[in-house]
Structures are given as structure tokens and as C-alpha cells.
N, C-alpha and C. Protein backbone atom coordinates (compact mmCIF):
# COMPACT_ATOMS: atom_id res chain seq x y z
N MET A 1 -29.41 32.95 17.50
CA MET A 1 -28.01 33.35 17.62
C MET A 1 -27.02 32.73 18.60
N GLN A 2 -27.87 32.71 19.76
CA GLN A 2 -26.80 32.08 20.85
C GLN A 2 -26.26 30.83 20.54
N ARG A 3 -27.13 29.89 20.25
CA ARG A 3 -27.31 28.87 20.08
C ARG A 3 -25.86 28.50 18.92
N ARG A 4 -26.11 29.32 18.00
CA ARG A 4 -25.07 29.04 16.82
C ARG A 4 -23.56 29.29 17.36
N GLY A 5 -23.37 30.29 18.27
CA GLY A 5 -22.25 30.71 18.88
C GLY A 5 -21.77 29.62 19.67
N PHE A 6 -22.69 29.13 20.86
CA PHE A 6 -22.42 28.00 21.41
C PHE A 6 -21.88 26.45 20.81
N LEU A 7 -22.46 26.43 19.52
CA LEU A 7 -22.27 25.28 18.78
C LEU A 7 -20.56 25.53 18.42
N LEU A 8 -20.57 26.79 17.86
CA LEU A 8 -18.99 26.86 17.26
C LEU A 8 -17.96 26.75 18.37
N LEU A 9 -18.36 27.31 19.36
CA LEU A 9 -17.41 27.31 20.36
C LEU A 9 -17.16 25.53 20.98
N ALA A 10 -18.12 24.87 21.12
CA ALA A 10 -18.05 23.44 21.34
C ALA A 10 -17.36 22.78 20.29
N LEU A 11 -17.39 23.21 18.86
CA LEU A 11 -16.66 22.34 18.00
C LEU A 11 -15.14 22.77 18.14
N LEU A 12 -14.97 24.07 18.47
CA LEU A 12 -13.45 24.61 18.59
C LEU A 12 -12.85 23.96 19.85
N ALA A 13 -13.50 23.93 20.76
CA ALA A 13 -13.20 22.86 22.04
C ALA A 13 -12.72 21.49 21.66
N LEU A 14 -13.66 20.71 20.79
CA LEU A 14 -13.56 19.32 20.36
C LEU A 14 -12.41 19.35 19.62
N LEU A 15 -12.07 20.24 18.59
CA LEU A 15 -10.74 20.19 17.88
C LEU A 15 -9.57 20.51 18.27
N ALA A 16 -9.55 21.19 19.70
CA ALA A 16 -8.73 21.35 20.30
C ALA A 16 -8.25 20.37 21.18
N LEU A 17 -9.17 19.42 21.70
CA LEU A 17 -8.87 18.08 22.50
C LEU A 17 -8.45 17.32 21.60
N THR A 18 -9.05 16.86 20.45
CA THR A 18 -8.39 15.92 19.63
C THR A 18 -7.14 16.10 19.05
N SER A 19 -6.74 17.15 18.83
CA SER A 19 -5.43 17.85 18.46
C SER A 19 -4.29 17.33 19.65
N ALA A 20 -4.75 17.61 20.76
CA ALA A 20 -3.84 17.41 22.10
C ALA A 20 -3.92 15.77 22.24
N VAL A 21 -4.81 15.05 22.13
CA VAL A 21 -4.84 13.69 22.18
C VAL A 21 -3.98 13.23 21.17
N ALA A 22 -4.01 13.58 19.84
CA ALA A 22 -3.09 13.09 18.64
C ALA A 22 -1.70 13.37 18.98
N LYS A 23 -1.40 14.70 19.47
CA LYS A 23 0.26 14.75 19.87
C LYS A 23 0.47 14.09 20.89
N LYS A 24 -0.47 13.57 21.93
CA LYS A 24 0.28 13.01 22.92
C LYS A 24 0.35 11.49 22.33
N LYS A 25 -0.17 11.08 21.64
CA LYS A 25 0.20 9.60 21.10
C LYS A 25 1.53 9.54 20.51
N ALA A 26 2.11 10.58 19.98
CA ALA A 26 3.23 10.29 19.33
C ALA A 26 4.43 10.82 20.22
N ASP A 27 4.40 11.06 21.44
CA ASP A 27 5.38 11.74 22.30
C ASP A 27 6.22 10.57 23.00
N CYS A 28 5.90 9.14 22.90
CA CYS A 28 6.71 8.08 23.65
C CYS A 28 7.03 7.32 22.41
N LYS A 29 8.33 6.78 22.44
CA LYS A 29 8.66 5.95 21.25
C LYS A 29 9.47 4.54 21.92
N TYR A 30 8.85 3.31 21.71
CA TYR A 30 9.43 2.18 22.41
C TYR A 30 9.93 1.34 21.42
N LYS A 31 10.80 0.32 21.82
CA LYS A 31 11.42 -0.44 20.97
C LYS A 31 10.93 -1.89 21.56
N PHE A 32 10.34 -2.69 20.66
CA PHE A 32 9.66 -3.75 20.94
C PHE A 32 10.23 -5.01 20.82
N GLU A 33 10.14 -5.94 21.66
CA GLU A 33 10.62 -7.41 21.41
C GLU A 33 9.67 -8.05 20.48
N SER A 34 10.12 -9.36 20.21
CA SER A 34 9.13 -10.22 19.14
C SER A 34 7.89 -10.63 20.07
N TRP A 35 6.70 -11.01 19.24
CA TRP A 35 5.75 -11.50 19.90
C TRP A 35 6.00 -12.86 20.66
N GLY A 36 5.37 -13.02 21.74
CA GLY A 36 5.38 -14.52 22.66
C GLY A 36 4.86 -15.46 22.08
N ALA A 37 4.57 -16.63 22.75
CA ALA A 37 3.95 -17.63 22.39
C ALA A 37 2.34 -17.39 22.88
N CYS A 38 1.32 -17.97 22.18
CA CYS A 38 0.03 -17.70 22.42
C CYS A 38 -0.42 -18.47 23.81
N ASP A 39 -0.96 -17.81 24.58
CA ASP A 39 -1.51 -18.33 25.87
C ASP A 39 -3.01 -18.79 25.54
N GLY A 40 -2.94 -20.13 25.73
CA GLY A 40 -4.04 -20.90 25.31
C GLY A 40 -5.41 -20.39 26.31
N GLY A 41 -4.82 -20.03 27.55
CA GLY A 41 -5.98 -19.66 28.51
C GLY A 41 -6.85 -18.18 28.02
N THR A 42 -6.03 -17.32 27.74
CA THR A 42 -6.67 -16.10 27.19
C THR A 42 -6.58 -15.80 25.87
N GLY A 43 -6.04 -16.88 25.00
CA GLY A 43 -6.26 -16.54 23.53
C GLY A 43 -5.67 -15.40 23.06
N THR A 44 -4.32 -14.97 23.97
CA THR A 44 -3.76 -13.68 23.23
C THR A 44 -2.27 -13.98 23.44
N LYS A 45 -1.49 -12.97 22.82
CA LYS A 45 -0.07 -13.15 22.81
C LYS A 45 0.43 -11.96 23.24
N ALA A 46 1.55 -11.61 23.92
CA ALA A 46 2.07 -10.35 24.48
C ALA A 46 3.75 -10.07 23.87
N ARG A 47 4.05 -8.83 24.19
CA ARG A 47 5.14 -8.58 23.98
C ARG A 47 5.45 -7.25 24.76
N GLN A 48 6.93 -7.30 25.36
CA GLN A 48 7.10 -5.90 26.18
C GLN A 48 8.13 -4.88 25.19
N GLY A 49 7.80 -3.65 25.38
CA GLY A 49 8.63 -2.51 25.02
C GLY A 49 9.36 -1.76 25.88
N THR A 50 10.65 -1.34 25.50
CA THR A 50 11.49 -0.67 26.57
C THR A 50 11.41 1.15 25.71
N LEU A 51 11.55 1.75 26.56
CA LEU A 51 11.37 3.28 26.03
C LEU A 51 12.65 3.76 25.37
N LYS A 52 12.13 4.27 23.98
CA LYS A 52 13.67 4.47 23.27
C LYS A 52 13.75 5.97 23.27
N LYS A 53 12.44 6.65 23.10
CA LYS A 53 12.92 8.32 23.25
C LYS A 53 11.25 8.86 23.48
N ALA A 54 11.71 9.85 24.40
CA ALA A 54 10.49 10.79 25.01
C ALA A 54 10.55 12.16 24.36
N ARG A 55 9.48 12.67 24.19
CA ARG A 55 9.43 14.01 23.46
C ARG A 55 8.69 14.89 24.19
N TYR A 56 8.92 16.03 24.09
CA TYR A 56 8.19 17.30 24.87
C TYR A 56 7.98 17.03 26.30
N ASN A 57 8.81 16.54 27.04
CA ASN A 57 8.71 16.37 28.39
C ASN A 57 7.63 15.51 28.88
N ALA A 58 7.41 14.51 27.89
CA ALA A 58 6.12 13.56 28.14
C ALA A 58 6.69 12.54 29.38
N GLN A 59 5.39 12.21 30.04
CA GLN A 59 5.64 11.25 30.95
C GLN A 59 5.49 9.94 30.44
N CYS A 60 6.43 9.18 30.16
CA CYS A 60 6.53 7.94 29.66
C CYS A 60 7.19 6.76 30.54
N GLN A 61 6.42 5.72 30.53
CA GLN A 61 6.66 4.68 31.08
C GLN A 61 8.06 4.07 30.80
N GLU A 62 8.79 3.38 31.82
CA GLU A 62 10.07 2.80 31.07
C GLU A 62 9.76 1.51 30.30
N THR A 63 9.02 0.62 30.68
CA THR A 63 8.47 -0.58 29.67
C THR A 63 7.04 -0.37 29.84
N ILE A 64 6.34 -0.95 28.65
CA ILE A 64 5.04 -1.35 28.67
C ILE A 64 4.93 -2.59 28.05
N ARG A 65 3.80 -3.27 28.25
CA ARG A 65 3.19 -4.67 27.52
C ARG A 65 2.16 -4.35 26.97
N VAL A 66 2.00 -4.80 25.69
CA VAL A 66 0.86 -4.87 24.85
C VAL A 66 0.42 -6.48 24.44
N THR A 67 -0.95 -6.56 24.36
CA THR A 67 -1.39 -7.91 23.94
C THR A 67 -2.03 -7.74 22.66
N LYS A 68 -2.25 -8.94 22.13
CA LYS A 68 -3.21 -9.04 20.75
C LYS A 68 -3.80 -10.66 20.88
N PRO A 69 -4.94 -10.71 20.09
CA PRO A 69 -5.36 -12.16 20.02
C PRO A 69 -4.69 -12.86 19.17
N CYS A 70 -4.73 -14.01 19.56
CA CYS A 70 -3.78 -15.19 18.61
C CYS A 70 -4.46 -15.23 17.35
N THR A 71 -3.50 -15.52 16.20
CA THR A 71 -4.31 -15.69 15.15
C THR A 71 -4.04 -17.20 14.80
N PRO A 72 -5.20 -17.97 14.11
CA PRO A 72 -5.05 -19.29 13.53
C PRO A 72 -3.90 -19.62 12.81
N LYS A 73 -3.64 -20.70 12.93
CA LYS A 73 -2.24 -20.94 11.83
C LYS A 73 -2.71 -21.59 10.67
N THR A 74 -3.97 -21.63 10.41
CA THR A 74 -4.29 -22.31 9.00
C THR A 74 -4.17 -20.81 7.95
N LYS A 75 -3.64 -21.40 6.95
CA LYS A 75 -3.39 -20.37 5.92
C LYS A 75 -4.15 -20.83 4.72
N ALA A 76 -4.88 -19.95 4.07
CA ALA A 76 -5.55 -20.52 2.87
C ALA A 76 -4.54 -20.62 1.46
N LYS A 77 -4.68 -21.56 0.79
CA LYS A 77 -3.77 -21.65 -0.28
C LYS A 77 -4.30 -20.95 -1.56
N ALA A 78 -3.38 -20.43 -2.36
CA ALA A 78 -3.79 -19.29 -3.34
C ALA A 78 -4.08 -20.19 -4.42
N LYS A 79 -5.34 -19.92 -5.19
CA LYS A 79 -5.87 -20.68 -6.18
C LYS A 79 -5.26 -20.13 -7.57
N ALA A 80 -5.16 -21.04 -8.50
CA ALA A 80 -4.61 -20.85 -9.78
C ALA A 80 -5.87 -19.85 -10.48
N LYS A 81 -5.20 -18.99 -11.25
CA LYS A 81 -6.09 -18.08 -12.06
C LYS A 81 -6.41 -19.15 -13.51
N LYS A 82 -7.68 -18.70 -13.59
CA LYS A 82 -8.16 -19.53 -14.69
C LYS A 82 -8.21 -18.73 -16.10
N GLY A 83 -8.16 -19.13 -17.02
CA GLY A 83 -8.56 -18.23 -18.36
C GLY A 83 -7.20 -17.65 -19.07
N LYS A 84 -6.72 -16.69 -18.29
CA LYS A 84 -5.71 -15.75 -18.98
C LYS A 84 -4.57 -16.72 -19.10
N GLY A 85 -4.02 -16.75 -20.41
CA GLY A 85 -2.58 -17.36 -20.57
C GLY A 85 -2.59 -18.84 -20.46
N LYS A 86 -3.64 -19.58 -20.30
CA LYS A 86 -3.78 -20.98 -20.31
C LYS A 86 -4.57 -21.40 -21.40
N ASP A 87 -3.98 -22.68 -22.05
CA ASP A 87 -4.75 -23.21 -23.44
C ASP A 87 -5.18 -24.62 -23.01
């Protein structure tokens, strides 16, 4: 019976923690620039965002920098559909 109570308490604590983390993610809003050119050395591109809005007394950075991997420039061509509508 004590184990059941402990598991329930642990579950409630986990739910409270995930709720707090989810709320924290929506507290700072940024306006981002366009993505920069691909850095061949790191294989990533970056952009900077400036703080647009801070909610609920959040401690937000004035500017942030984010990166993502570069994508290859090759695009697959769309294939023509066979069968339907063609004679």
C-alpha cells in the first residue's frame, strides 16, 4: 500500500514538473532574421532573434542565436502519375 502511495506521489510530481517546463517554453517570444549562409566547416547555418515579448516576469535574453544543419540543394523532381486520365 505504501508503494502505491509513493508511485502516485511521484506521478503527480512528474506532471507538475512537465507542466512547469511547458509553460516556461512559451514565456519568451523572439523575432528572427533570415537564415544565414551555410558554414562549410560546421555544416550548419544560423540566425539571430531579438526579444519581442516577455510574459509572466520571465527572465529572457535580449538576443538569442540558433543553428540548424544545412540541407542539400538537390531537389527530387516530381514524377508524372501513370494510368489515371492518360490514354
